[in-house]
Amino acid sequence: MLTAEQIQAILPHRYPFLMIDRILEVEEGKRAVGLKNVTINEEFFNGHFPGYPVMPGVLIVEALAQVGAVALLQKEENKGRLAFFTGIDKCRFKKQVTPGDTLRLEVEITRLRGPMGKGQAKATVDGELVCETEIMFALGPVSPASE
């Protein structure tokens, strides 16, 4: 398991754009499972939507991408590098995510060729599917913040 502090040692994202609170499982370069506790205090709820707070779907996808990045950047040869989100295929949203929900974020890396790759991702709340998608990424240079 990785805590928020350990995640921040891997990813360059910070509040309010760090979308994961904990990593429950990680297989270096292969898969990871993370959690996002969705609270009413999230900045995006100020405008999405007043009186009817719903987590934007694109931020669910971003949370999935961050979990995938943790799996990739745990590999020794990738430590300190940046992972860039390069594409989405077959994305479907099945259920709204609202304050009080805990998002379980699962990503399996399905292809990695050089710096480019693809992963299968899904987000659930209480065992119910809320989003599934394929995500694409590219590994960049070592992050200036990690040097």
C-alpha atoms as a PDB file:
ATOM      1  CA  MET A   1       0.000   0.000   0.000  1.00  0.00           C
ATOM      2  CA  LEU A   2       1.167   3.540  -0.763  1.00  0.00           C
ATOM      3  CA  THR A   3       0.095   6.596   1.223  1.00  0.00           C
ATOM      4  CA  ALA A   4      -0.602  10.051  -0.213  1.00  0.00           C
ATOM      5  CA  GLU A   5       2.944  11.114   0.709  1.00  0.00           C
ATOM      6  CA  GLN A   6       4.452   8.118  -1.085  1.00  0.00           C
ATOM      7  CA  ILE A   7       2.278   8.796  -4.147  1.00  0.00           C
ATOM      8  CA  GLN A   8       3.571  12.390  -4.218  1.00  0.00           C
ATOM      9  CA  ALA A   9       7.125  11.036  -4.260  1.00  0.00           C
ATOM     10  CA  ILE A  10       6.222   9.220  -7.515  1.00  0.00           C
ATOM     11  CA  LEU A  11       3.856  11.654  -9.276  1.00  0.00           C
ATOM     12  CA  PRO A  12       4.402  15.394  -9.821  1.00  0.00           C
ATOM     13  CA  HIS A  13       0.681  16.155  -9.274  1.00  0.00           C
ATOM     14  CA  ARG A  14      -0.346  18.183  -6.229  1.00  0.00           C
ATOM     15  CA  TYR A  15      -3.585  19.512  -4.756  1.00  0.00           C
ATOM     16  CA  PRO A  16      -6.019  20.225  -6.257  1.00  0.00           C
ATOM     17  CA  PHE A  17      -4.976  18.027  -9.187  1.00  0.00           C
ATOM     18  CA  LEU A  18      -3.735  14.932  -7.370  1.00  0.00           C
ATOM     19  CA  MET A  19      -6.769  12.681  -7.862  1.00  0.00           C
ATOM     20  CA  ILE A  20      -5.764   9.641  -5.809  1.00  0.00           C
ATOM     21  CA  ASP A  21      -5.541   9.269  -2.039  1.00  0.00           C
ATOM     22  CA  ARG A  22      -4.052   5.806  -1.686  1.00  0.00           C
ATOM     23  CA  ILE A  23      -2.660   2.922  -3.708  1.00  0.00           C
ATOM     24  CA  LEU A  24      -3.887  -0.441  -2.414  1.00  0.00           C
ATOM     25  CA  GLU A  25      -1.991  -2.724  -4.795  1.00  0.00           C
ATOM     26  CA  VAL A  26       0.782  -2.248  -7.304  1.00  0.00           C
ATOM     27  CA  GLU A  27       2.639  -4.646  -9.589  1.00  0.00           C
ATOM     28  CA  GLU A  28       5.522  -2.661 -11.051  1.00  0.00           C
ATOM     29  CA  GLY A  29       4.910  -1.933 -14.710  1.00  0.00           C
ATOM     30  CA  LYS A  30       1.813  -4.147 -14.831  1.00  0.00           C
ATOM     31  CA  ARG A  31      -1.126  -2.943 -12.755  1.00  0.00           C
ATOM     32  CA  ALA A  32      -2.262  -0.827  -9.841  1.00  0.00           C
ATOM     33  CA  VAL A  33      -5.371  -0.304  -7.735  1.00  0.00           C
ATOM     34  CA  GLY A  34      -6.031   3.016  -6.033  1.00  0.00           C
ATOM     35  CA  LEU A  35      -8.675   4.893  -4.060  1.00  0.00           C
ATOM     36  CA  LYS A  36     -10.113   8.392  -4.297  1.00  0.00           C
ATOM     37  CA  ASN A  37     -12.328   9.546  -1.432  1.00  0.00           C
ATOM     38  CA  VAL A  38     -14.726  12.033  -2.998  1.00  0.00           C
ATOM     39  CA  THR A  39     -15.701  14.803  -0.564  1.00  0.00           C
ATOM     40  CA  ILE A  40     -17.940  17.845  -0.843  1.00  0.00           C
ATOM     41  CA  ASN A  41     -14.800  19.974  -0.308  1.00  0.00           C
ATOM     42  CA  GLU A  42     -13.445  19.157  -3.787  1.00  0.00           C
ATOM     43  CA  GLU A  43     -12.831  22.370  -5.761  1.00  0.00           C
ATOM     44  CA  PHE A  44     -14.693  21.095  -8.819  1.00  0.00           C
ATOM     45  CA  PHE A  45     -17.978  20.837  -6.894  1.00  0.00           C
ATOM     46  CA  ASN A  46     -18.096  24.648  -6.681  1.00  0.00           C
ATOM     47  CA  GLY A  47     -19.312  24.767 -10.266  1.00  0.00           C
ATOM     48  CA  HIS A  48     -20.222  21.182 -11.225  1.00  0.00           C
ATOM     49  CA  PHE A  49     -23.115  21.532 -10.481  1.00  0.00           C
ATOM     50  CA  PRO A  50     -24.380  24.023  -7.857  1.00  0.00           C
ATOM     51  CA  GLY A  51     -27.080  22.239  -5.871  1.00  0.00           C
ATOM     52  CA  TYR A  52     -26.354  18.905  -7.607  1.00  0.00           C
ATOM     53  CA  PRO A  53     -22.667  18.011  -7.107  1.00  0.00           C
ATOM     54  CA  VAL A  54     -21.347  15.446  -9.608  1.00  0.00           C
ATOM     55  CA  MET A  55     -17.671  14.590 -10.147  1.00  0.00           C
ATOM     56  CA  PRO A  56     -16.732  15.477 -13.740  1.00  0.00           C
ATOM     57  CA  GLY A  57     -16.153  12.354 -15.822  1.00  0.00           C
ATOM     58  CA  VAL A  58     -12.886  13.688 -17.204  1.00  0.00           C
ATOM     59  CA  LEU A  59     -11.532  13.849 -13.646  1.00  0.00           C
ATOM     60  CA  ILE A  60     -12.464  10.199 -13.092  1.00  0.00           C
ATOM     61  CA  VAL A  61     -10.440   9.393 -16.221  1.00  0.00           C
ATOM     62  CA  GLU A  62      -7.574  11.568 -14.916  1.00  0.00           C
ATOM     63  CA  ALA A  63      -7.646   9.639 -11.626  1.00  0.00           C
ATOM     64  CA  LEU A  64      -7.398   6.383 -13.586  1.00  0.00           C
ATOM     65  CA  ALA A  65      -4.465   7.771 -15.582  1.00  0.00           C
ATOM     66  CA  GLN A  66      -2.680   8.737 -12.352  1.00  0.00           C
ATOM     67  CA  VAL A  67      -3.111   5.211 -10.968  1.00  0.00           C
ATOM     68  CA  GLY A  68      -1.690   3.810 -14.214  1.00  0.00           C
ATOM     69  CA  ALA A  69       1.232   6.219 -13.961  1.00  0.00           C
ATOM     70  CA  VAL A  70       2.031   4.918 -10.470  1.00  0.00           C
ATOM     71  CA  ALA A  71       2.243   1.356 -11.855  1.00  0.00           C
ATOM     72  CA  LEU A  72       4.597   2.483 -14.635  1.00  0.00           C
ATOM     73  CA  LEU A  73       6.772   4.779 -12.551  1.00  0.00           C
ATOM     74  CA  GLN A  74       7.367   2.137  -9.878  1.00  0.00           C
ATOM     75  CA  LYS A  75       9.631   0.253 -12.302  1.00  0.00           C
ATOM     76  CA  GLU A  76      13.257   1.013 -11.508  1.00  0.00           C
ATOM     77  CA  GLU A  77      14.095   2.206 -15.047  1.00  0.00           C
ATOM     78  CA  ASN A  78      11.134   4.642 -14.997  1.00  0.00           C
ATOM     79  CA  LYS A  79      11.649   6.196 -11.558  1.00  0.00           C
ATOM     80  CA  GLY A  80      11.707   9.987 -11.720  1.00  0.00           C
ATOM     81  CA  ARG A  81      10.281  10.129 -15.251  1.00  0.00           C
ATOM     82  CA  LEU A  82       7.083  11.868 -16.267  1.00  0.00           C
ATOM     83  CA  ALA A  83       4.101   9.921 -17.623  1.00  0.00           C
ATOM     84  CA  PHE A  84       1.985  11.856 -20.125  1.00  0.00           C
ATOM     85  CA  PHE A  85      -1.654  11.016 -20.810  1.00  0.00           C
ATOM     86  CA  THR A  86      -1.954  10.801 -24.624  1.00  0.00           C
ATOM     87  CA  GLY A  87      -5.369   9.344 -25.414  1.00  0.00           C
ATOM     88  CA  ILE A  88      -8.654   7.713 -24.495  1.00  0.00           C
ATOM     89  CA  ASP A  89     -10.573   5.024 -26.395  1.00  0.00           C
ATOM     90  CA  LYS A  90     -13.904   3.354 -25.710  1.00  0.00           C
ATOM     91  CA  CYS A  91     -14.702   5.511 -22.681  1.00  0.00           C
ATOM     92  CA  ARG A  92     -18.097   4.967 -21.082  1.00  0.00           C
ATOM     93  CA  PHE A  93     -19.594   6.467 -17.945  1.00  0.00           C
ATOM     94  CA  LYS A  94     -22.185   4.248 -16.277  1.00  0.00           C
ATOM     95  CA  LYS A  95     -23.053   6.056 -13.037  1.00  0.00           C
ATOM     96  CA  GLN A  96     -22.595   9.474 -11.438  1.00  0.00           C
ATOM     97  CA  VAL A  97     -19.992   9.952  -8.705  1.00  0.00           C
ATOM     98  CA  THR A  98     -21.093  12.222  -5.856  1.00  0.00           C
ATOM     99  CA  PRO A  99     -19.734  13.445  -2.502  1.00  0.00           C
ATOM    100  CA  GLY A 100     -19.276  10.597  -0.038  1.00  0.00           C
ATOM    101  CA  ASP A 101     -18.371   8.051  -2.706  1.00  0.00           C
ATOM    102  CA  THR A 102     -15.094   6.135  -2.637  1.00  0.00           C
ATOM    103  CA  LEU A 103     -13.781   5.503  -6.129  1.00  0.00           C
ATOM    104  CA  ARG A 104     -11.855   2.268  -6.597  1.00  0.00           C
ATOM    105  CA  LEU A 105      -9.541   2.790  -9.571  1.00  0.00           C
ATOM    106  CA  GLU A 106      -8.037  -0.217 -11.351  1.00  0.00           C
ATOM    107  CA  VAL A 107      -5.580  -0.048 -14.240  1.00  0.00           C
ATOM    108  CA  GLU A 108      -3.860  -2.890 -16.058  1.00  0.00           C
ATOM    109  CA  ILE A 109      -1.053  -2.029 -18.471  1.00  0.00           C
ATOM    110  CA  THR A 110      -1.834  -4.039 -21.606  1.00  0.00           C
ATOM    111  CA  ARG A 111       0.912  -2.835 -23.946  1.00  0.00           C
ATOM    112  CA  LEU A 112       4.261  -1.119 -23.520  1.00  0.00           C
ATOM    113  CA  ARG A 113       6.579  -0.504 -26.487  1.00  0.00           C
ATOM    114  CA  GLY A 114       9.448   1.820 -25.809  1.00  0.00           C
ATOM    115  CA  PRO A 115       8.041   4.957 -24.212  1.00  0.00           C
ATOM    116  CA  MET A 116       4.469   4.374 -25.510  1.00  0.00           C
ATOM    117  CA  GLY A 117       1.790   2.228 -23.935  1.00  0.00           C
ATOM    118  CA  LYS A 118      -1.824   1.412 -23.336  1.00  0.00           C
ATOM    119  CA  GLY A 119      -3.893   0.325 -20.356  1.00  0.00           C
ATOM    120  CA  GLN A 120      -7.344  -1.017 -19.560  1.00  0.00           C
ATOM    121  CA  ALA A 121      -8.976   0.994 -16.785  1.00  0.00           C
ATOM    122  CA  LYS A 122     -12.129   0.894 -14.713  1.00  0.00           C
ATOM    123  CA  ALA A 123     -13.571   2.831 -11.808  1.00  0.00           C
ATOM    124  CA  THR A 124     -16.147   1.442  -9.398  1.00  0.00           C
ATOM    125  CA  VAL A 125     -18.116   2.683  -6.389  1.00  0.00           C
ATOM    126  CA  ASP A 126     -19.383   0.036  -3.957  1.00  0.00           C
ATOM    127  CA  GLY A 127     -18.675  -2.632  -6.577  1.00  0.00           C
ATOM    128  CA  GLU A 128     -20.731  -0.865  -9.273  1.00  0.00           C
ATOM    129  CA  LEU A 129     -19.010   0.166 -12.491  1.00  0.00           C
ATOM    130  CA  VAL A 130     -18.946   3.947 -12.982  1.00  0.00           C
ATOM    131  CA  CYS A 131     -16.399   4.250 -15.807  1.00  0.00           C
ATOM    132  CA  GLU A 132     -14.408   2.008 -18.114  1.00  0.00           C
ATOM    133  CA  THR A 133     -11.923   3.056 -20.757  1.00  0.00           C
ATOM    134  CA  GLU A 134      -8.663   2.377 -22.536  1.00  0.00           C
ATOM    135  CA  ILE A 135      -5.961   4.932 -21.780  1.00  0.00           C
ATOM    136  CA  MET A 136      -2.828   5.688 -23.760  1.00  0.00           C
ATOM    137  CA  PHE A 137       0.359   7.223 -22.388  1.00  0.00           C
ATOM    138  CA  ALA A 138       3.911   8.179 -23.201  1.00  0.00           C
ATOM    139  CA  LEU A 139       6.851   8.187 -20.826  1.00  0.00           C
ATOM    140  CA  GLY A 140       8.798  11.414 -20.944  1.00  0.00           C
ATOM    141  CA  PRO A 141      12.129  12.532 -19.562  1.00  0.00           C
ATOM    142  CA  VAL A 142      13.108  12.617 -15.930  1.00  0.00           C
ATOM    143  CA  SER A 143      11.028  15.209 -14.098  1.00  0.00           C
ATOM    144  CA  PRO A 144      13.031  18.326 -13.109  1.00  0.00           C
ATOM    145  CA  ALA A 145      11.408  18.055  -9.670  1.00  0.00           C
ATOM    146  CA  SER A 146      12.966  14.615  -9.101  1.00  0.00           C
ATOM    147  CA  GLU A 147      16.539  15.620  -9.906  1.00  0.00           C
END
